[in-house]
Every structure is written in structure tokens, then in C-alpha cells.
Amino acid sequence: MKKVVLMVSLLILGCYSITAQDDMRFGAKAGFNISSLGGDANLSYDPKAGFHVGGVLEIPFSDELMIQPEALISLQGSGGFFQDDLNFWYLNVPVMAKYNVWDELYVEAGPYLGLLLSNNVDRNISGTGASFDNTNGLDLGLGIGAGYRLDENFYFQIRYSTGFINVIEDVNSKNRVFAVSAVYFL
């Protein structure tokens, strides 16, 4: 896991040095999450408030189309799972395609890869007879959203991301995240 975090950190630093070119832009991103685990109807997955912070790189291919890879630390999870608060810390690496649809308004979509850094799922949930000690260290999913470029430096986004892999092994528990973000481009 430490090797993966190191590799992503080196990638971000490498991307930062690339921004010396006129077309590519590096930025810092922060925002607010509302997340939950989608899954079985008989389990209670309440929404959880969280946040994300990290870096982005904007790579234009034309006036209308851009690719935006990101590296974000994100707090996700569920607010109530048999009265327990589930916290999952991820290093998310989305790669979003952004298309300018009108003036400064963009639509965006793309895949993401999430690496689980930490969680608090290390116990049996009493009364269920099930053990939830095992979590998947990897999440893969798809994000869709929209963004608005306020000026040359500020960009605002809303995004919905859904995971394809169960967070807790052997339990239908896929990430569902709604995020509101602000990006400041250097």
C-alpha cells in the first residue's frame, strides 16, 4: 500500500513539473461529500458527511474537450450501519473527460480508481452472526457531473460517483458519493 501511495505522489509531482507547458494546468481541489453504501435493503446505510482534498491536472485536447486526472484523499462511508458509523479513507484517482457545452459550463464523466487507506471496520456486528472484518482495498467506479469555470483560476464542480466493487467483502456495499468541489488552478 505504501508503494502505491508513493507512486501516486510521484505522479502528482511529475504532473506539477509538466505544468510549465502553456496548455496544461495544475490545480488544488477541495470539497464536501455526502456518501453512502448502496446495497441490501435489509441493512441500514445512512448518508455520511465527509470531505475530499487533493490535486488536479487539466489537459486540453481542443477548445471543447479536456481530460482532468485527479488525486484526492477522501473520507467516505455510511452514517448508520446497525447504529455504527463506518469511515473509509480513500486515495481516489478519477480521470474525467470534460466537454464544454455552453459558455463556461462543462459536463464531465469518467472512471475512477480508489485505494482504501484506512477504515474502522474491524469488528463483528452483534446480533447478525456475520463478521465484517474484511474490506476490499480497491474500488473501481464511474463518475458523472458538471462544472462551471468562474474565471481563469476558479472552477466549481458537482459530481456523483458510483462504485462497482463491494467495500465490505461478501456484503452488498458499493460506494455512492455525491460531491461538491472547488478547484483553484495555478
Protein backbone atom coordinates (compact mmCIF):
# COMPACT_ATOMS: atom_id res chain seq x y z
CA MET A 1 0.00 0.00 0.00
CA LYS A 2 2.84 2.37 0.85
CA LYS A 3 4.35 1.75 -2.60
CA VAL A 4 1.07 2.70 -4.28
CA VAL A 5 0.79 5.92 -2.27
CA LEU A 6 4.42 6.73 -3.11
CA MET A 7 3.83 6.09 -6.82
CA VAL A 8 0.74 8.32 -6.90
CA SER A 9 2.63 11.05 -5.03
CA LEU A 10 5.45 10.90 -7.55
CA LEU A 11 2.90 11.06 -10.36
CA ILE A 12 1.39 14.22 -8.88
CA LEU A 13 4.84 15.80 -8.52
CA GLY A 14 5.67 14.81 -12.09
CA CYS A 15 2.42 16.34 -13.31
CA TYR A 16 3.26 19.52 -11.42
CA SER A 17 6.56 19.84 -13.30
CA ILE A 18 4.74 19.31 -16.61
CA THR A 19 2.54 22.35 -15.98
CA ALA A 20 5.31 24.56 -17.29
CA GLN A 21 3.77 23.97 -20.71
CA ASP A 22 1.18 26.58 -21.71
CA ASP A 23 -1.75 24.23 -22.29
CA MET A 24 -1.72 22.06 -19.16
CA ARG A 25 -2.78 23.47 -15.82
CA PHE A 26 -2.28 22.19 -12.31
CA GLY A 27 -4.73 22.98 -9.52
CA ALA A 28 -5.71 22.26 -5.93
CA LYS A 29 -9.14 20.80 -5.21
CA ALA A 30 -11.23 20.59 -2.04
CA GLY A 31 -14.85 19.87 -1.35
CA PHE A 32 -17.69 18.30 0.58
CA ASN A 33 -19.01 14.70 0.18
CA ILE A 34 -22.28 13.03 1.04
CA SER A 35 -21.62 9.30 0.80
CA SER A 36 -23.39 6.05 1.49
CA LEU A 37 -23.04 2.39 0.72
CA GLY A 38 -25.53 1.09 -1.83
CA GLY A 39 -26.63 -2.43 -1.16
CA ASP A 40 -29.01 -4.75 0.59
CA ALA A 41 -32.37 -3.32 1.57
CA ASN A 42 -32.28 -5.12 4.92
CA LEU A 43 -29.10 -3.27 6.01
CA SER A 44 -29.23 0.37 7.06
CA TYR A 45 -26.77 2.51 5.09
CA ASP A 46 -27.40 6.10 6.15
CA PRO A 47 -25.69 9.06 4.44
CA LYS A 48 -22.37 10.26 5.84
CA ALA A 49 -20.88 13.73 5.56
CA GLY A 50 -17.22 13.82 4.54
CA PHE A 51 -14.70 15.79 2.52
CA HIS A 52 -12.00 15.43 -0.13
CA VAL A 53 -8.78 17.30 -0.88
CA GLY A 54 -6.06 16.87 -3.48
CA GLY A 55 -4.65 17.95 -6.82
CA VAL A 56 -5.88 18.05 -10.42
CA LEU A 57 -4.28 18.38 -13.83
CA GLU A 58 -6.25 19.84 -16.75
CA ILE A 59 -5.08 18.67 -20.19
CA PRO A 60 -6.88 20.30 -23.14
CA PHE A 61 -7.26 18.43 -26.43
CA SER A 62 -9.34 21.15 -28.12
CA ASP A 63 -11.34 24.22 -27.11
CA GLU A 64 -14.25 21.97 -26.09
CA LEU A 65 -12.62 18.75 -24.79
CA MET A 66 -10.29 18.28 -21.82
CA ILE A 67 -9.04 15.39 -19.69
CA GLN A 68 -8.75 16.01 -15.95
CA PRO A 69 -6.88 13.38 -13.90
CA GLU A 70 -7.07 13.93 -10.15
CA ALA A 71 -5.56 12.50 -6.96
CA LEU A 72 -7.81 13.01 -3.93
CA ILE A 73 -7.84 11.93 -0.30
CA SER A 74 -11.50 11.33 0.54
CA LEU A 75 -13.48 10.46 3.69
CA GLN A 76 -16.42 8.26 2.69
CA GLY A 77 -18.62 5.68 4.37
CA SER A 78 -22.00 5.37 5.99
CA GLY A 79 -23.55 7.18 8.92
CA GLY A 80 -25.55 4.26 10.26
CA PHE A 81 -24.87 0.58 9.77
CA PHE A 82 -26.59 -1.13 12.69
CA GLN A 83 -26.07 2.12 14.60
CA ASP A 84 -22.34 2.16 13.76
CA ASP A 85 -20.55 4.91 11.88
CA LEU A 86 -18.40 3.47 9.06
CA ASN A 87 -15.40 5.54 7.98
CA PHE A 88 -13.40 4.75 4.84
CA TRP A 89 -10.37 6.85 3.89
CA TYR A 90 -9.59 6.53 0.18
CA LEU A 91 -6.97 7.76 -2.24
CA ASN A 92 -9.24 8.28 -5.27
CA VAL A 93 -7.77 8.76 -8.74
CA PRO A 94 -10.54 9.79 -11.16
CA VAL A 95 -9.80 10.55 -14.82
CA MET A 96 -12.61 12.76 -16.07
CA ALA A 97 -13.33 13.81 -19.64
CA LYS A 98 -14.73 17.38 -19.62
CA TYR A 99 -16.75 18.74 -22.53
CA ASN A 100 -17.64 22.43 -22.85
CA VAL A 101 -21.35 22.50 -23.69
CA TRP A 102 -22.05 26.22 -23.41
CA ASP A 103 -20.04 29.29 -22.48
CA GLU A 104 -18.16 28.23 -19.27
CA LEU A 105 -20.39 25.22 -18.46
CA TYR A 106 -18.89 21.72 -18.70
CA VAL A 107 -20.22 18.17 -18.41
CA GLU A 108 -17.82 15.51 -17.24
CA ALA A 109 -17.66 11.75 -16.99
CA GLY A 110 -15.03 9.12 -16.42
CA PRO A 111 -13.75 6.20 -14.39
CA TYR A 112 -12.07 6.31 -11.01
CA LEU A 113 -9.81 4.02 -9.04
CA GLY A 114 -9.97 4.13 -5.26
CA LEU A 115 -7.33 2.72 -2.92
CA LEU A 116 -8.56 2.13 0.63
CA LEU A 117 -6.06 3.70 3.03
CA SER A 118 -7.85 3.19 6.34
CA ASN A 119 -11.19 2.14 7.84
CA ASN A 120 -12.86 1.34 11.12
CA VAL A 121 -14.43 -1.98 10.03
CA ASP A 122 -12.60 -4.29 12.43
CA ARG A 123 -15.32 -5.87 14.48
CA ASN A 124 -18.30 -8.22 14.39
CA ILE A 125 -21.70 -6.61 14.32
CA SER A 126 -23.58 -8.14 17.24
CA GLY A 127 -26.84 -9.90 16.58
CA THR A 128 -26.16 -10.55 12.89
CA GLY A 129 -23.94 -13.61 13.10
CA ALA A 130 -21.80 -12.09 10.35
CA SER A 131 -18.23 -10.92 10.52
CA PHE A 132 -17.38 -7.73 8.65
CA ASP A 133 -13.64 -7.78 9.31
CA ASN A 134 -12.68 -7.94 5.63
CA THR A 135 -12.81 -4.93 3.36
CA ASN A 136 -11.73 -4.62 -0.24
CA GLY A 137 -8.63 -2.49 -0.63
CA LEU A 138 -9.65 -1.42 -4.12
CA ASP A 139 -12.66 0.41 -5.52
CA LEU A 140 -13.42 0.93 -9.18
CA GLY A 141 -16.30 3.04 -10.42
CA LEU A 142 -17.72 5.73 -12.66
CA GLY A 143 -18.33 9.41 -12.03
CA ILE A 144 -20.59 11.88 -13.85
CA GLY A 145 -21.04 15.56 -13.17
CA ALA A 146 -20.93 19.15 -14.28
CA GLY A 147 -18.70 22.13 -13.69
CA TYR A 148 -18.60 25.86 -14.14
CA ARG A 149 -15.48 27.94 -14.78
CA LEU A 150 -15.96 31.19 -12.86
CA ASP A 151 -12.75 32.77 -14.18
CA GLU A 152 -9.28 31.72 -15.28
CA ASN A 153 -8.42 30.32 -11.84
CA PHE A 154 -11.66 29.13 -10.19
CA TYR A 155 -13.69 26.11 -11.26
CA PHE A 156 -16.67 24.63 -9.38
CA GLN A 157 -17.96 21.05 -9.75
CA ILE A 158 -20.74 18.74 -8.71
CA ARG A 159 -20.28 15.02 -9.24
CA TYR A 160 -21.94 11.70 -8.50
CA SER A 161 -19.74 8.61 -8.34
CA THR A 162 -20.82 5.00 -8.01
CA GLY A 163 -18.56 2.07 -7.24
CA PHE A 164 -18.68 -1.36 -8.87
CA ILE A 165 -16.88 -3.33 -6.12
CA ASN A 166 -18.25 -4.14 -2.64
CA VAL A 167 -16.50 -2.17 0.09
CA ILE A 168 -17.14 -4.88 2.67
CA GLU A 169 -16.44 -8.36 1.31
CA ASP A 170 -19.42 -10.69 0.98
CA VAL A 171 -21.88 -7.85 1.70
CA ASN A 172 -23.62 -5.79 -0.99
CA SER A 173 -21.95 -2.48 -0.08
CA LYS A 174 -20.86 -0.34 -3.03
CA ASN A 175 -19.69 3.28 -2.65
CA ARG A 176 -22.14 6.02 -3.64
CA VAL A 177 -20.75 9.56 -3.36
CA PHE A 178 -22.20 12.98 -4.19
CA ALA A 179 -19.51 15.69 -4.11
CA VAL A 180 -19.42 19.47 -4.40
CA SER A 181 -15.94 20.86 -5.09
CA ALA A 182 -13.93 23.98 -5.78
CA VAL A 183 -10.73 23.93 -7.84
CA TYR A 184 -8.11 26.66 -7.87
CA PHE A 185 -5.84 26.50 -10.91
CA LEU A 186 -2.33 27.93 -10.59
